[in-house]
Amino acid sequence: MPAIPAATTRWPALFVLLAGALLPPIDFFIVNVALPSIRENLHTSPAETQLVVSGYAAGYAVALITGGRLGDLYGRRLLYMLGMTGFALANLLCGVAQTPTQLLVGRVALGIAAAMLQPQTLATMRALYTDDRALARAMSLYGTTVGLAAAVGQFAGGALVAWNPFDWGWRAVFLLKLPFCLVTIVAAWFLLPETSGSQRVKLDIGGAILLSTALASIVLPLSLGRDRGWPLWVFLVLASAPLSIAAFLRFEAWLAGRGGMPLVDMRLFAIPTFRRGVLVGMLFFFTTSFYFLFGIYQQLGRGVPPLWTGLTIVPYGIGLSLGPLATARLVRLRPRLLAIGMAIQVAFYAAVGALVWIGTDGWVLATALFLAGFGQGIAFPRLFNTVLGDVPPQQGGLAAGILNSALQVGASVSAAAIGSLFFSVLAGATGERAYAHAFAIAQWTLTAALALAALIAIPPRPIVSSRSMPP
């Protein structure tokens, strides 16, 4: 293992890593409010408009585990810089796109670049901060950064379209990220240390193809199915997912038996905290449906303009940012903060649904949104601590990739299932009351999934042997 840098160099490196943590979620949020302008300018169909969002999520999900393993094997610093470079080039492609196809290719490329970038952030943090207190502080900053991405992204998408700098219109949401990417690449060159092992082995290409196929067979049908009217091919592809997963597991076992290095070390799932954290994470990212359904309710149900729609979600993002900071020093509660944060989030997600149901908005709704975000902000960094805390540092990138893939699969399932429920309840009706009713039903269903995750997140009590009991 390479030497870990001193504290004086670890913290500057952390801020470079947090820049990499900020960009992928911003790219998810920033485009949502700009979609109407994109549709009007490029004349995209409803299905193509949906693909602008789901194409990014699909590319992100199917490449995350491979991205994590590449960093472990060939250098996290190298993969971070390559991922950031690819992120800049893909943003450029999206910003100059002249056809829907060009934009969709750029969005998928953005997702793949984010998948190369994101696992290196978490794995490098895990390697740089080996003591629990420093790691908790770093993870709190990570959670705050993601919270800022949610707040800034939602607002910035509407603000940039309204501001229209250089007469770029919606293209500004992509092109104005380029200087930030370039500065981060230069900073990474000088400040980011290499933390992956010196061992160099060949990438498990067969495993990468089989796993990407399995993830794609889950993510793509769920992302595209509702927009296409749930045709037969969607269910056939979904039905093939277990076969793809079984083929991947058999191939990995065969490769390990021959002395090779599989893409996924299945021994990770023997770690209880990792196993439980991945399951919680998949349910945790059911929150994805809240973001776009709340935006639909605001814009189509209440007639709120895009800029003000972005502003209505800002209290949630502020709470998401403050949650990690408020609990960073609660050392004794750290093992339970994941469950505590999710319990707060569950309570106020249910409250948001109730307030929308009865037609209450203003400061009351804003307070409920803030507290829901605050609960998520408490839980989010602890989720990564739970998953990565007992994982060997040399497996950190792989573990982060598995977790992020689980998050994206959860997001896709939520968008498809909860989104379909919303539109089924709406049943083509119009008006604020119809949208409020549909949103409340969808929100409470989402809350039930989060409640289940909160129960799973409760840490088990340690088993105390009777021999160790005092007389």
Protein backbone atom coordinates (compact mmCIF):
# COMPACT_ATOMS: atom_id res chain seq x y z
CA MET A 1 0.00 0.00 0.00
CA PRO A 2 1.25 3.53 -0.73
CA ALA A 3 2.01 5.79 2.22
CA ILE A 4 -0.95 7.77 3.52
CA PRO A 5 -0.34 11.56 3.37
CA ALA A 6 -0.05 13.64 6.52
CA ALA A 7 -3.07 15.52 7.83
CA THR A 8 -1.76 18.78 6.36
CA THR A 9 -2.08 17.32 2.86
CA ARG A 10 -5.13 15.10 3.46
CA TRP A 11 -7.57 17.97 3.93
CA PRO A 12 -6.64 19.85 0.70
CA ALA A 13 -7.00 16.51 -1.09
CA LEU A 14 -10.43 16.08 0.49
CA PHE A 15 -11.72 19.30 -1.07
CA VAL A 16 -10.59 18.09 -4.49
CA LEU A 17 -12.49 14.86 -3.83
CA LEU A 18 -15.59 16.78 -2.74
CA ALA A 19 -15.58 18.58 -6.08
CA GLY A 20 -15.88 15.15 -7.68
CA ALA A 21 -18.67 14.27 -5.26
CA LEU A 22 -20.57 17.47 -6.13
CA LEU A 23 -20.74 17.16 -9.91
CA PRO A 24 -22.56 13.83 -10.50
CA PRO A 25 -25.61 14.66 -8.32
CA ILE A 26 -25.70 18.23 -9.64
CA ASP A 27 -25.93 16.81 -13.16
CA PHE A 28 -28.92 14.75 -12.06
CA PHE A 29 -30.77 17.68 -10.46
CA ILE A 30 -29.81 20.57 -12.71
CA VAL A 31 -31.35 19.15 -15.87
CA ASN A 32 -34.83 18.48 -14.42
CA VAL A 33 -36.05 22.07 -14.45
CA ALA A 34 -34.44 22.71 -17.87
CA LEU A 35 -36.33 19.85 -19.59
CA PRO A 36 -39.20 22.00 -20.95
CA SER A 37 -36.69 24.34 -22.66
CA ILE A 38 -34.77 21.36 -24.09
CA ARG A 39 -38.00 19.86 -25.43
CA GLU A 40 -39.02 23.14 -27.07
CA ASN A 41 -35.60 23.84 -28.62
CA LEU A 42 -34.68 20.35 -29.86
CA HIS A 43 -38.28 19.22 -30.50
CA THR A 44 -37.78 16.08 -28.45
CA SER A 45 -40.61 13.60 -28.10
CA PRO A 46 -41.91 12.76 -24.59
CA ALA A 47 -39.89 9.52 -24.64
CA GLU A 48 -36.71 11.37 -25.68
CA THR A 49 -37.30 13.97 -22.98
CA GLN A 50 -37.52 11.21 -20.37
CA LEU A 51 -34.35 9.62 -21.74
CA VAL A 52 -32.42 12.82 -21.03
CA VAL A 53 -32.83 11.90 -17.36
CA SER A 54 -32.91 8.11 -17.47
CA GLY A 55 -30.03 7.84 -19.98
CA TYR A 56 -27.73 9.48 -17.46
CA ALA A 57 -28.96 7.25 -14.63
CA ALA A 58 -28.62 4.12 -16.76
CA GLY A 59 -25.05 4.89 -17.87
CA TYR A 60 -24.17 5.73 -14.28
CA ALA A 61 -25.63 2.57 -12.76
CA VAL A 62 -24.28 0.00 -15.20
CA ALA A 63 -20.68 1.29 -15.05
CA LEU A 64 -20.27 2.05 -11.33
CA ILE A 65 -18.92 -1.28 -10.15
CA THR A 66 -16.52 -1.46 -13.09
CA GLY A 67 -15.42 2.11 -12.34
CA GLY A 68 -14.73 1.22 -8.71
CA ARG A 69 -12.70 -1.84 -9.65
CA LEU A 70 -10.69 0.08 -12.27
CA GLY A 71 -9.67 2.57 -9.59
CA ASP A 72 -8.63 -0.21 -7.21
CA LEU A 73 -6.50 -1.86 -9.89
CA TYR A 74 -5.03 0.96 -11.97
CA GLY A 75 -5.00 3.93 -9.62
CA ARG A 76 -7.78 5.98 -8.06
CA ARG A 77 -6.00 9.26 -8.79
CA LEU A 78 -5.67 8.28 -12.46
CA LEU A 79 -9.32 7.20 -12.72
CA TYR A 80 -10.48 10.33 -10.90
CA MET A 81 -8.70 12.55 -13.42
CA LEU A 82 -9.86 10.47 -16.40
CA GLY A 83 -13.42 10.53 -15.05
CA MET A 84 -13.33 14.30 -14.57
CA THR A 85 -11.91 14.76 -18.09
CA GLY A 86 -14.63 12.55 -19.53
CA PHE A 87 -17.21 14.48 -17.51
CA ALA A 88 -16.01 17.75 -19.05
CA LEU A 89 -16.02 16.37 -22.60
CA ALA A 90 -19.48 14.84 -22.18
CA ASN A 91 -20.84 18.15 -20.85
CA LEU A 92 -19.37 19.85 -23.91
CA LEU A 93 -21.07 17.30 -26.18
CA CYS A 94 -24.41 17.91 -24.43
CA GLY A 95 -23.96 21.68 -24.59
CA VAL A 96 -23.37 21.78 -28.37
CA ALA A 97 -25.89 19.04 -29.28
CA GLN A 98 -28.04 19.88 -32.28
CA THR A 99 -30.28 16.82 -32.28
CA PRO A 100 -31.99 14.73 -29.58
CA THR A 101 -29.75 11.78 -30.47
CA GLN A 102 -26.58 13.81 -29.88
CA LEU A 103 -27.91 14.99 -26.52
CA LEU A 104 -28.86 11.46 -25.46
CA VAL A 105 -25.41 10.12 -26.40
CA GLY A 106 -23.87 12.91 -24.36
CA ARG A 107 -26.06 12.14 -21.36
CA VAL A 108 -25.16 8.43 -21.40
CA ALA A 109 -21.48 9.40 -21.71
CA LEU A 110 -21.95 11.74 -18.74
CA GLY A 111 -23.31 8.85 -16.69
CA ILE A 112 -20.37 6.61 -17.59
CA ALA A 113 -17.87 9.37 -16.77
CA ALA A 114 -19.60 9.93 -13.42
CA ALA A 115 -19.30 6.19 -12.76
CA MET A 116 -15.54 6.41 -13.28
CA LEU A 117 -15.32 9.46 -11.01
CA GLN A 118 -17.63 8.82 -8.06
CA PRO A 119 -16.21 5.55 -6.61
CA GLN A 120 -12.73 7.06 -6.48
CA THR A 121 -14.03 9.84 -4.25
CA LEU A 122 -15.40 7.54 -1.56
CA ALA A 123 -12.62 4.95 -1.78
CA THR A 124 -9.89 7.58 -1.50
CA MET A 125 -11.62 9.17 1.49
CA ARG A 126 -11.80 5.75 3.15
CA ALA A 127 -8.06 5.24 2.57
CA LEU A 128 -6.99 8.75 3.63
CA TYR A 129 -8.89 8.76 6.93
CA THR A 130 -8.18 5.59 8.87
CA ASP A 131 -9.41 6.69 12.31
CA ASP A 132 -13.14 6.82 12.99
CA ARG A 133 -13.30 10.45 14.11
CA ALA A 134 -11.52 11.87 11.05
CA LEU A 135 -13.49 9.58 8.74
CA ALA A 136 -16.75 10.72 10.34
CA ARG A 137 -15.81 14.38 9.76
CA ALA A 138 -14.91 13.67 6.15
CA MET A 139 -18.14 11.77 5.56
CA SER A 140 -20.13 14.60 7.15
CA LEU A 141 -18.58 17.00 4.66
CA TYR A 142 -19.41 14.53 1.91
CA GLY A 143 -23.06 14.44 3.04
CA THR A 144 -23.16 18.24 3.17
CA THR A 145 -21.75 18.42 -0.34
CA VAL A 146 -24.44 16.10 -1.69
CA GLY A 147 -27.05 18.20 0.10
CA LEU A 148 -25.69 21.33 -1.57
CA ALA A 149 -25.88 19.52 -4.92
CA ALA A 150 -29.58 18.88 -4.38
CA ALA A 151 -30.29 22.49 -3.41
CA VAL A 152 -27.99 24.14 -5.95
CA GLY A 153 -28.87 21.80 -8.81
CA GLN A 154 -32.65 22.23 -8.57
CA PHE A 155 -32.37 26.01 -8.28
CA ALA A 156 -29.55 26.48 -10.80
CA GLY A 157 -31.39 24.67 -13.59
CA GLY A 158 -34.29 27.12 -13.48
CA ALA A 159 -32.08 30.13 -12.76
CA LEU A 160 -29.74 29.52 -15.71
CA VAL A 161 -32.63 29.05 -18.13
CA ALA A 162 -34.21 32.29 -16.88
CA TRP A 163 -30.89 34.19 -16.87
CA ASN A 164 -29.86 32.87 -20.32
CA PRO A 165 -26.13 33.83 -20.17
CA PHE A 166 -24.48 34.40 -23.56
CA ASP A 167 -27.88 33.58 -25.09
CA TRP A 168 -27.13 29.88 -24.47
CA GLY A 169 -30.52 29.01 -23.00
CA TRP A 170 -30.66 25.43 -21.64
CA ARG A 171 -27.15 24.77 -22.96
CA ALA A 172 -25.75 26.86 -20.09
CA VAL A 173 -26.57 24.07 -17.59
CA PHE A 174 -23.91 21.98 -19.35
CA LEU A 175 -21.37 24.49 -20.67
CA LEU A 176 -20.93 26.51 -17.48
CA LYS A 177 -19.63 23.41 -15.68
CA LEU A 178 -16.59 23.21 -17.97
CA PRO A 179 -14.38 25.79 -16.14
CA PHE A 180 -15.13 24.05 -12.83
CA CYS A 181 -14.08 20.70 -14.31
CA LEU A 182 -10.83 22.12 -15.70
CA VAL A 183 -9.83 23.75 -12.38
CA THR A 184 -10.57 20.49 -10.55
CA ILE A 185 -8.41 18.47 -12.96
CA VAL A 186 -5.45 20.81 -12.37
CA ALA A 187 -5.97 20.71 -8.60
CA ALA A 188 -6.16 16.90 -8.65
CA TRP A 189 -2.84 16.72 -10.49
CA PHE A 190 -1.07 18.63 -7.68
CA LEU A 191 -3.05 17.72 -4.56
CA LEU A 192 -4.57 14.27 -4.93
CA PRO A 193 -2.43 11.35 -3.69
CA GLU A 194 -2.56 7.79 -5.00
CA THR A 195 -4.17 5.47 -2.45
CA SER A 196 -4.78 2.26 -4.38
CA GLY A 197 -2.52 -0.75 -4.03
CA SER A 198 0.53 -1.24 -6.21
CA GLN A 199 -0.71 -4.62 -7.45
CA ARG A 200 -1.54 -4.56 -11.13
CA VAL A 201 -3.75 -7.30 -12.53
CA LYS A 202 -5.93 -7.57 -15.58
CA LEU A 203 -9.48 -6.29 -15.37
CA ASP A 204 -12.11 -9.03 -15.35
CA ILE A 205 -13.55 -8.10 -18.77
CA GLY A 206 -15.97 -11.03 -18.86
CA GLY A 207 -17.31 -10.17 -15.42
CA ALA A 208 -17.63 -6.49 -16.35
CA ILE A 209 -19.67 -7.36 -19.46
CA LEU A 210 -21.93 -9.82 -17.64
CA LEU A 211 -22.52 -7.50 -14.68
CA SER A 212 -23.19 -4.49 -16.91
CA THR A 213 -25.66 -6.61 -18.88
CA ALA A 214 -27.41 -7.69 -15.67
CA LEU A 215 -27.64 -4.12 -14.35
CA ALA A 216 -28.79 -2.81 -17.73
CA SER A 217 -31.53 -5.45 -17.85
CA ILE A 218 -32.88 -3.99 -14.60
CA VAL A 219 -32.25 -0.27 -15.03
CA LEU A 220 -33.16 0.28 -18.69
CA PRO A 221 -36.61 -1.38 -18.72
CA LEU A 222 -37.57 0.41 -15.52
CA SER A 223 -36.33 3.71 -16.91
CA LEU A 224 -38.05 3.36 -20.30
CA GLY A 225 -41.06 1.17 -19.59
CA ARG A 226 -43.59 3.75 -18.42
CA ASP A 227 -42.81 6.16 -21.26
CA ARG A 228 -43.22 3.36 -23.81
CA GLY A 229 -46.48 2.06 -22.33
CA TRP A 230 -44.93 -1.07 -20.75
CA PRO A 231 -44.55 -3.13 -23.94
CA LEU A 232 -43.82 -6.85 -23.86
CA TRP A 233 -40.07 -6.43 -24.42
CA VAL A 234 -39.78 -4.54 -21.11
CA PHE A 235 -41.01 -7.57 -19.15
CA LEU A 236 -38.92 -9.99 -21.21
CA VAL A 237 -35.76 -8.00 -20.51
CA LEU A 238 -36.62 -7.76 -16.80
CA ALA A 239 -37.23 -11.51 -16.72
CA SER A 240 -33.75 -12.06 -18.15
CA ALA A 241 -32.12 -10.20 -15.23
CA PRO A 242 -31.97 -13.22 -12.87
CA LEU A 243 -30.39 -15.29 -15.65
CA SER A 244 -27.76 -12.60 -16.27
CA ILE A 245 -27.01 -12.38 -12.54
CA ALA A 246 -26.70 -16.17 -12.28
CA ALA A 247 -24.35 -16.22 -15.28
CA PHE A 248 -22.24 -13.48 -13.69
CA LEU A 249 -21.98 -15.32 -10.36
CA ARG A 250 -21.00 -18.59 -12.05
CA PHE A 251 -18.36 -16.84 -14.14
CA GLU A 252 -16.90 -15.10 -11.07
CA ALA A 253 -16.73 -18.41 -9.18
CA TRP A 254 -15.03 -20.06 -12.17
CA LEU A 255 -12.50 -17.22 -12.44
CA ALA A 256 -11.72 -17.31 -8.71
CA GLY A 257 -11.26 -21.09 -8.91
CA ARG A 258 -8.62 -20.59 -11.58
CA GLY A 259 -6.70 -18.13 -9.43
CA GLY A 260 -7.87 -14.97 -11.24
CA MET A 261 -9.22 -11.78 -9.66
CA PRO A 262 -13.00 -11.52 -10.12
CA LEU A 263 -14.63 -8.13 -10.71
CA VAL A 264 -16.69 -8.52 -7.50
CA ASP A 265 -15.16 -10.20 -4.50
CA MET A 266 -18.21 -12.00 -3.11
CA ARG A 267 -16.51 -12.19 0.27
CA LEU A 268 -17.59 -8.56 0.74
CA PHE A 269 -21.14 -9.80 1.27
CA ALA A 270 -19.94 -11.86 4.22
CA ILE A 271 -19.37 -8.54 6.05
CA PRO A 272 -22.65 -7.91 7.94
CA THR A 273 -22.42 -4.12 7.88
CA PHE A 274 -21.73 -4.10 4.14
CA ARG A 275 -24.56 -6.51 3.39
CA ARG A 276 -27.07 -4.60 5.49
CA GLY A 277 -25.91 -1.21 4.21
CA VAL A 278 -26.32 -2.15 0.54
CA LEU A 279 -29.91 -3.28 1.16
CA VAL A 280 -30.71 -0.12 3.12
CA GLY A 281 -29.10 1.98 0.39
CA MET A 282 -31.27 0.48 -2.33
CA LEU A 283 -34.42 1.39 -0.39
CA PHE A 284 -32.91 4.72 0.72
CA PHE A 285 -32.72 6.00 -2.85
CA PHE A 286 -36.44 5.51 -3.35
CA THR A 287 -36.31 9.22 -2.44
CA THR A 288 -35.60 9.89 -6.13
CA SER A 289 -39.30 9.76 -6.96
CA PHE A 290 -40.00 12.52 -4.42
CA TYR A 291 -37.86 15.03 -6.32
CA PHE A 292 -39.46 14.73 -9.72
CA LEU A 293 -43.02 14.11 -8.49
CA PHE A 294 -42.89 17.16 -6.22
CA GLY A 295 -41.70 19.16 -9.24
CA ILE A 296 -44.56 17.82 -11.38
CA TYR A 297 -47.07 18.68 -8.64
CA GLN A 298 -45.68 22.22 -8.39
CA GLN A 299 -45.44 22.95 -12.11
CA LEU A 300 -48.41 21.08 -13.60
CA GLY A 301 -50.68 20.97 -10.55
CA ARG A 302 -50.14 24.45 -9.10
CA GLY A 303 -48.77 26.22 -12.19
CA VAL A 304 -45.53 27.32 -10.47
CA PRO A 305 -42.82 28.52 -12.94
CA PRO A 306 -39.58 26.49 -13.18
CA LEU A 307 -37.47 29.01 -11.26
CA TRP A 308 -39.89 29.09 -8.33
CA THR A 309 -40.22 25.31 -8.47
CA GLY A 310 -36.50 25.15 -7.85
CA LEU A 311 -36.85 27.57 -4.96
CA THR A 312 -39.57 25.51 -3.26
CA ILE A 313 -37.17 22.57 -2.87
CA VAL A 314 -34.35 24.73 -1.44
CA PRO A 315 -35.45 24.20 2.23
CA TYR A 316 -35.07 20.47 1.66
CA GLY A 317 -31.56 20.94 0.29
CA ILE A 318 -30.61 23.23 3.19
CA GLY A 319 -31.74 20.60 5.67
CA LEU A 320 -29.83 17.96 3.74
CA SER A 321 -26.70 20.12 4.00
CA LEU A 322 -27.05 20.92 7.71
CA GLY A 323 -27.87 17.39 8.89
CA PRO A 324 -24.29 16.05 8.66
CA LEU A 325 -22.84 19.18 10.29
CA ALA A 326 -25.27 19.07 13.20
CA THR A 327 -24.41 15.47 14.09
CA ALA A 328 -20.69 15.37 13.27
CA ARG A 329 -19.68 15.47 16.95
CA LEU A 330 -22.27 13.02 18.29
CA VAL A 331 -19.70 10.25 18.72
CA ARG A 332 -21.77 8.03 21.00
CA LEU A 333 -24.76 8.07 18.67
CA ARG A 334 -22.84 7.34 15.46
CA PRO A 335 -23.81 3.65 15.22
CA ARG A 336 -27.48 4.65 15.41
CA LEU A 337 -27.46 7.86 13.37
CA LEU A 338 -28.42 6.02 10.18
CA ALA A 339 -31.62 4.70 11.77
CA ILE A 340 -32.30 7.97 13.64
CA GLY A 341 -31.90 10.09 10.52
CA MET A 342 -34.12 7.82 8.47
CA ALA A 343 -36.79 7.84 11.22
CA ILE A 344 -36.86 11.66 11.08
CA GLN A 345 -37.02 11.53 7.29
CA VAL A 346 -39.89 9.01 7.39
CA ALA A 347 -41.91 11.14 9.81
CA PHE A 348 -41.64 14.31 7.76
CA TYR A 349 -42.02 12.59 4.38
CA ALA A 350 -45.37 11.41 5.70
CA ALA A 351 -46.08 14.97 6.88
CA VAL A 352 -45.25 16.42 3.44
CA GLY A 353 -47.77 14.03 1.87
CA ALA A 354 -50.41 15.04 4.43
CA LEU A 355 -49.80 18.77 3.97
CA VAL A 356 -50.09 18.51 0.20
CA TRP A 357 -53.23 16.37 0.63
CA ILE A 358 -54.99 19.05 2.71
CA GLY A 359 -53.69 21.91 0.58
CA THR A 360 -51.29 23.53 3.08
CA ASP A 361 -48.24 25.30 1.71
CA GLY A 362 -46.11 28.30 2.69
CA TRP A 363 -43.87 28.16 5.76
CA VAL A 364 -45.55 25.03 7.16
CA LEU A 365 -44.72 22.96 4.08
CA ALA A 366 -41.27 24.54 3.86
CA THR A 367 -40.58 23.53 7.48
CA ALA A 368 -41.65 19.93 6.82
CA LEU A 369 -39.42 19.85 3.73
CA PHE A 370 -36.49 21.22 5.74
CA LEU A 371 -36.89 18.60 8.47
CA ALA A 372 -37.27 15.78 5.94
CA GLY A 373 -34.04 16.89 4.30
CA PHE A 374 -32.40 17.28 7.71
CA GLY A 375 -33.20 13.65 8.52
CA GLN A 376 -31.81 12.48 5.21
CA GLY A 377 -28.71 14.59 5.81
CA ILE A 378 -28.12 12.85 9.14
CA ALA A 379 -28.53 9.41 7.58
CA PHE A 380 -26.70 9.82 4.28
CA PRO A 381 -23.04 9.98 5.42
CA ARG A 382 -23.69 7.24 7.98
CA LEU A 383 -24.92 5.01 5.17
CA PHE A 384 -21.49 5.20 3.54
CA ASN A 385 -19.77 4.74 6.89
CA THR A 386 -21.88 1.64 7.51
CA VAL A 387 -21.04 0.14 4.13
CA LEU A 388 -17.36 1.06 3.96
CA GLY A 389 -16.39 0.99 7.66
CA ASP A 390 -15.44 -2.70 7.81
CA VAL A 391 -14.32 -3.06 4.18
CA PRO A 392 -10.54 -3.52 3.61
CA PRO A 393 -9.09 -0.30 2.13
CA GLN A 394 -7.86 -2.09 -1.01
CA GLN A 395 -11.49 -3.07 -1.75
CA GLY A 396 -12.86 0.40 -1.07
CA GLY A 397 -13.45 1.39 -4.68
CA LEU A 398 -15.27 -1.84 -5.46
CA ALA A 399 -17.42 -1.53 -2.33
CA ALA A 400 -18.29 2.09 -3.16
CA GLY A 401 -19.19 1.05 -6.70
CA ILE A 402 -21.49 -1.72 -5.46
CA LEU A 403 -23.23 0.67 -3.07
CA ASN A 404 -23.67 3.39 -5.69
CA SER A 405 -25.03 0.82 -8.15
CA ALA A 406 -27.54 -0.28 -5.50
CA LEU A 407 -28.53 3.37 -5.00
CA GLN A 408 -29.10 3.87 -8.73
CA VAL A 409 -31.08 0.64 -9.06
CA GLY A 410 -33.22 1.82 -6.14
CA ALA A 411 -33.68 5.17 -7.87
CA SER A 412 -34.78 3.47 -11.11
CA VAL A 413 -37.21 1.17 -9.31
CA SER A 414 -38.65 4.13 -7.43
CA ALA A 415 -39.00 6.28 -10.55
CA ALA A 416 -40.77 3.46 -12.40
CA ALA A 417 -42.96 2.02 -9.64
CA ILE A 418 -43.84 5.15 -7.63
CA GLY A 419 -44.05 7.23 -10.81
CA SER A 420 -46.45 4.75 -12.39
CA LEU A 421 -48.56 4.78 -9.23
CA PHE A 422 -48.71 8.59 -9.36
CA PHE A 423 -49.92 8.68 -12.96
CA SER A 424 -52.35 5.80 -12.36
CA VAL A 425 -53.97 7.67 -9.47
CA LEU A 426 -53.98 10.88 -11.52
CA ALA A 427 -55.73 9.02 -14.38
CA GLY A 428 -55.52 11.99 -16.74
CA ALA A 429 -57.26 14.39 -14.35
CA THR A 430 -56.23 18.05 -14.12
CA GLY A 431 -56.23 20.69 -11.44
CA GLU A 432 -54.38 21.20 -8.19
CA ARG A 433 -56.57 18.83 -6.14
CA ALA A 434 -56.11 15.93 -8.56
CA TYR A 435 -52.34 16.36 -8.57
CA ALA A 436 -52.27 16.79 -4.77
CA HIS A 437 -54.21 13.55 -4.30
CA ALA A 438 -51.91 11.61 -6.64
CA PHE A 439 -48.78 13.08 -5.03
CA ALA A 440 -49.93 12.25 -1.50
CA ILE A 441 -50.66 8.60 -2.37
CA ALA A 442 -47.28 8.24 -4.10
CA GLN A 443 -45.47 10.01 -1.24
CA TRP A 444 -46.98 7.76 1.43
CA THR A 445 -46.07 4.66 -0.59
CA LEU A 446 -42.50 5.93 -0.86
CA THR A 447 -42.54 6.63 2.89
CA ALA A 448 -43.47 2.99 3.58
CA ALA A 449 -40.37 1.82 1.68
CA LEU A 450 -38.20 4.22 3.68
CA ALA A 451 -39.76 3.00 6.93
CA LEU A 452 -38.74 -0.54 6.04
CA ALA A 453 -35.19 0.68 5.33
CA ALA A 454 -35.11 2.48 8.70
CA LEU A 455 -36.02 -0.77 10.49
CA ILE A 456 -33.28 -2.68 8.65
CA ALA A 457 -30.82 0.11 9.50
CA ILE A 458 -31.22 -0.40 13.27
CA PRO A 459 -27.90 -1.97 14.34
CA PRO A 460 -28.26 -5.38 15.98
CA ARG A 461 -27.44 -5.63 19.65
CA PRO A 462 -24.08 -7.26 20.33
CA ILE A 463 -24.33 -10.81 21.61
CA VAL A 464 -22.84 -10.98 25.09
CA SER A 465 -21.57 -14.37 26.18
CA SER A 466 -22.71 -15.54 29.59
CA ARG A 467 -19.08 -16.34 30.40
CA SER A 468 -18.15 -12.67 30.05
CA MET A 469 -20.91 -11.50 32.37
CA PRO A 470 -19.72 -10.20 35.73
CA PRO A 471 -20.56 -12.36 38.74
